């Protein structure tokens, strides 16, 4: 079951994208969070939901009942339904009879929520990872984007949108290879 809700008490941005369970989590919550976090992203299967930073919370609310909090990469992201269904399937397979996945929109997801491992995997997969936005948010200047294939910073924007709205299509002028760039959000 997927629901969208107003924000409730949330942790700071620093703890929002962490792969580890929050303080006070039970052993079962830690295990279930690890299982849910290991679900691959449907649009970028090289990344897990934990590495992408969209898994915001998991709470055992009773025997066999779990509530999961998921934040989409952007409002209207079509992958949220697939993510929710995959989380429900995995947790059902591990003995949880009732799994509720809530979409939490605040705090909003940011590319800063992608873990270091997630950034490394994007690079390895041929997608230029987003640059850190810092505490004040993204600064839109024409900084060079490094080619994930050869490392050159001589790249050209081909299209502001690629296979998904969160990526841009670029081409490297050195190796002539096209590549996706995960945009800073």
Protein backbone atom coordinates (compact mmCIF):
# COMPACT_ATOMS: atom_id res chain seq x y z
CA UNK A 1 0.00 0.00 0.00
CA UNK A 2 1.46 3.40 -1.01
CA UNK A 3 0.32 6.56 0.74
CA UNK A 4 1.48 10.15 0.64
CA UNK A 5 1.45 12.12 3.82
CA UNK A 6 2.29 15.47 5.27
CA UNK A 7 5.66 15.65 6.95
CA UNK A 8 5.98 14.45 10.49
CA UNK A 9 8.89 14.96 12.85
CA UNK A 10 11.93 14.31 10.69
CA UNK A 11 15.60 14.02 11.29
CA UNK A 12 18.10 16.51 9.92
CA UNK A 13 19.30 16.37 6.33
CA UNK A 14 22.57 14.88 7.56
CA UNK A 15 20.82 11.75 8.82
CA UNK A 16 18.20 11.54 6.08
CA UNK A 17 20.25 9.59 3.56
CA UNK A 18 22.29 7.38 5.87
CA UNK A 19 22.33 3.68 5.13
CA UNK A 20 22.48 2.71 8.79
CA UNK A 21 19.44 2.49 11.02
CA UNK A 22 18.76 5.47 13.30
CA UNK A 23 19.50 5.41 17.03
CA UNK A 24 16.91 3.54 19.02
CA UNK A 25 16.06 1.16 16.18
CA UNK A 26 15.42 -2.40 17.26
CA UNK A 27 17.45 -5.28 15.88
CA UNK A 28 14.45 -6.30 13.74
CA UNK A 29 14.11 -2.74 12.39
CA UNK A 30 17.82 -2.72 11.53
CA UNK A 31 17.49 -6.05 9.68
CA UNK A 32 14.36 -4.98 7.80
CA UNK A 33 15.90 -1.60 6.93
CA UNK A 34 18.93 -3.39 5.49
CA UNK A 35 16.63 -5.61 3.39
CA UNK A 36 14.56 -2.65 2.15
CA UNK A 37 17.69 -0.60 1.55
CA UNK A 38 19.19 -3.37 -0.60
CA UNK A 39 16.31 -3.13 -3.10
CA UNK A 40 17.72 -1.88 -6.44
CA UNK A 41 16.44 1.40 -7.86
CA UNK A 42 14.16 0.54 -10.82
CA UNK A 43 15.61 3.30 -13.03
CA UNK A 44 19.26 2.96 -11.93
CA UNK A 45 19.59 -0.72 -10.94
CA UNK A 46 23.28 -0.26 -10.22
CA UNK A 47 22.19 1.64 -7.06
CA UNK A 48 20.25 0.41 -4.06
CA UNK A 49 17.55 2.53 -2.45
CA UNK A 50 19.86 3.10 0.53
CA UNK A 51 22.70 4.29 -1.72
CA UNK A 52 20.30 6.58 -3.59
CA UNK A 53 19.22 8.01 -0.22
CA UNK A 54 15.46 7.65 -0.74
CA UNK A 55 14.80 5.23 2.15
CA UNK A 56 14.05 7.63 4.99
CA UNK A 57 12.66 5.42 7.73
CA UNK A 58 11.40 2.01 8.76
CA UNK A 59 9.36 1.34 11.88
CA UNK A 60 7.92 -1.91 13.22
CA UNK A 61 4.44 -0.86 14.37
CA UNK A 62 3.32 -4.24 15.69
CA UNK A 63 3.81 -7.98 15.19
CA UNK A 64 4.26 -8.51 11.43
CA UNK A 65 3.49 -4.83 10.70
CA UNK A 66 6.01 -2.43 9.21
CA UNK A 67 5.81 1.18 8.03
CA UNK A 68 8.44 2.36 5.55
CA UNK A 69 9.11 6.00 4.67
CA UNK A 70 10.30 6.71 1.15
CA UNK A 71 11.19 10.08 -0.41
CA UNK A 72 11.09 10.32 -4.22
CA UNK A 73 13.97 11.92 -6.09
CA UNK A 74 11.44 14.45 -7.38
CA UNK A 75 7.70 14.98 -6.95
CA UNK A 76 5.87 12.82 -9.45
CA UNK A 77 8.77 10.40 -9.91
CA UNK A 78 7.21 7.39 -11.69
CA UNK A 79 9.63 4.97 -10.02
CA UNK A 80 8.07 5.43 -6.54
CA UNK A 81 5.36 2.86 -7.20
CA UNK A 82 7.90 0.27 -8.38
CA UNK A 83 10.16 1.03 -5.38
CA UNK A 84 7.22 0.63 -3.01
CA UNK A 85 6.10 -2.65 -4.59
CA UNK A 86 9.65 -4.05 -4.43
CA UNK A 87 10.02 -3.05 -0.76
CA UNK A 88 6.65 -4.63 0.06
CA UNK A 89 7.62 -7.85 -1.77
CA UNK A 90 10.99 -8.15 0.00
CA UNK A 91 9.54 -7.50 3.45
CA UNK A 92 6.61 -9.89 2.85
CA UNK A 93 9.16 -12.56 1.85
CA UNK A 94 10.84 -12.00 5.21
CA UNK A 95 7.77 -12.57 7.34
CA UNK A 96 6.12 -9.16 7.50
CA UNK A 97 2.40 -9.63 6.83
CA UNK A 98 1.46 -5.95 6.65
CA UNK A 99 3.80 -3.48 4.96
CA UNK A 100 2.82 0.15 4.46
CA UNK A 101 5.04 2.41 2.35
CA UNK A 102 4.49 6.14 2.93
CA UNK A 103 5.80 8.79 0.57
CA UNK A 104 7.43 11.54 2.64
CA UNK A 105 8.06 14.80 0.78
CA UNK A 106 9.78 16.80 3.51
CA UNK A 107 12.66 17.17 3.75
CA UNK A 108 12.90 16.95 -0.03
CA UNK A 109 15.40 14.54 -1.53
CA UNK A 110 18.65 16.06 -2.74
CA UNK A 111 21.53 14.63 -4.73
CA UNK A 112 23.52 15.20 -1.52
CA UNK A 113 21.57 12.20 -0.15
CA UNK A 114 23.39 9.84 -2.54
CA UNK A 115 26.02 7.98 -0.53
CA UNK A 116 29.73 7.96 -1.42
CA UNK A 117 29.31 4.33 -2.52
CA UNK A 118 26.37 5.34 -4.70
CA UNK A 119 28.45 8.07 -6.36
CA UNK A 120 31.27 5.60 -6.96
CA UNK A 121 28.85 3.13 -8.55
CA UNK A 122 27.34 5.82 -10.81
CA UNK A 123 30.84 6.73 -12.03
CA UNK A 124 31.72 3.07 -12.58
CA UNK A 125 28.44 2.54 -14.47
CA UNK A 126 29.27 5.40 -16.85
CA UNK A 127 27.05 8.10 -15.31
CA UNK A 128 28.74 11.28 -14.12
CA UNK A 129 27.71 11.59 -10.47
CA UNK A 130 26.25 14.88 -9.23
CA UNK A 131 28.57 17.32 -7.53
CA UNK A 132 27.83 18.12 -3.87
CA UNK A 133 25.45 21.07 -3.57
CA UNK A 134 26.59 22.22 -0.15
CA UNK A 135 24.50 23.68 2.67
CA UNK A 136 23.02 26.58 0.66
CA UNK A 137 21.85 24.44 -2.26
CA UNK A 138 23.07 24.22 -5.82
CA UNK A 139 24.94 27.09 -7.38
CA UNK A 140 24.21 27.18 -11.09
CA UNK A 141 27.49 28.05 -12.75
CA UNK A 142 29.15 26.48 -15.74
CA UNK A 143 31.48 24.10 -13.93
CA UNK A 144 32.97 21.33 -16.03
CA UNK A 145 31.43 17.88 -15.87
CA UNK A 146 34.02 15.10 -15.86
CA UNK A 147 33.57 12.26 -18.37
CA UNK A 148 33.01 8.98 -16.48
CA UNK A 149 34.78 7.07 -19.28
CA UNK A 150 38.09 8.93 -19.75
CA UNK A 151 38.06 11.62 -17.05
CA UNK A 152 38.22 14.60 -19.42
CA UNK A 153 36.44 17.79 -18.40
CA UNK A 154 35.94 18.77 -22.05
CA UNK A 155 32.27 17.79 -22.26
CA UNK A 156 29.27 19.26 -24.06
CA UNK A 157 25.62 19.30 -23.03
CA UNK A 158 23.54 17.56 -25.71
CA UNK A 159 20.19 17.61 -23.91
CA UNK A 160 19.03 18.86 -20.50
CA UNK A 161 17.00 15.65 -20.19
CA UNK A 162 18.14 12.09 -20.78
CA UNK A 163 16.45 8.75 -20.11
CA UNK A 164 14.97 10.20 -16.90
CA UNK A 165 14.20 13.76 -15.82
CA UNK A 166 16.96 13.69 -13.21
CA UNK A 167 19.71 13.10 -15.79
CA UNK A 168 21.16 15.20 -18.63
CA UNK A 169 22.81 13.82 -21.77
CA UNK A 170 26.38 14.96 -22.45
CA UNK A 171 29.17 14.04 -24.85
CA UNK A 172 32.88 13.95 -24.13
CA UNK A 173 34.93 15.91 -26.67
CA UNK A 174 38.06 13.85 -25.89
CA UNK A 175 36.77 10.28 -26.27
CA UNK A 176 33.56 11.26 -28.16
CA UNK A 177 31.44 9.00 -25.94
CA UNK A 178 27.97 10.12 -24.87
CA UNK A 179 27.10 9.77 -21.18
CA UNK A 180 24.41 10.61 -18.67
CA UNK A 181 25.06 13.20 -15.95
CA UNK A 182 22.98 12.89 -12.78
CA UNK A 183 21.88 16.51 -12.31
CA UNK A 184 22.41 18.29 -9.01
CA UNK A 185 19.09 18.77 -7.24
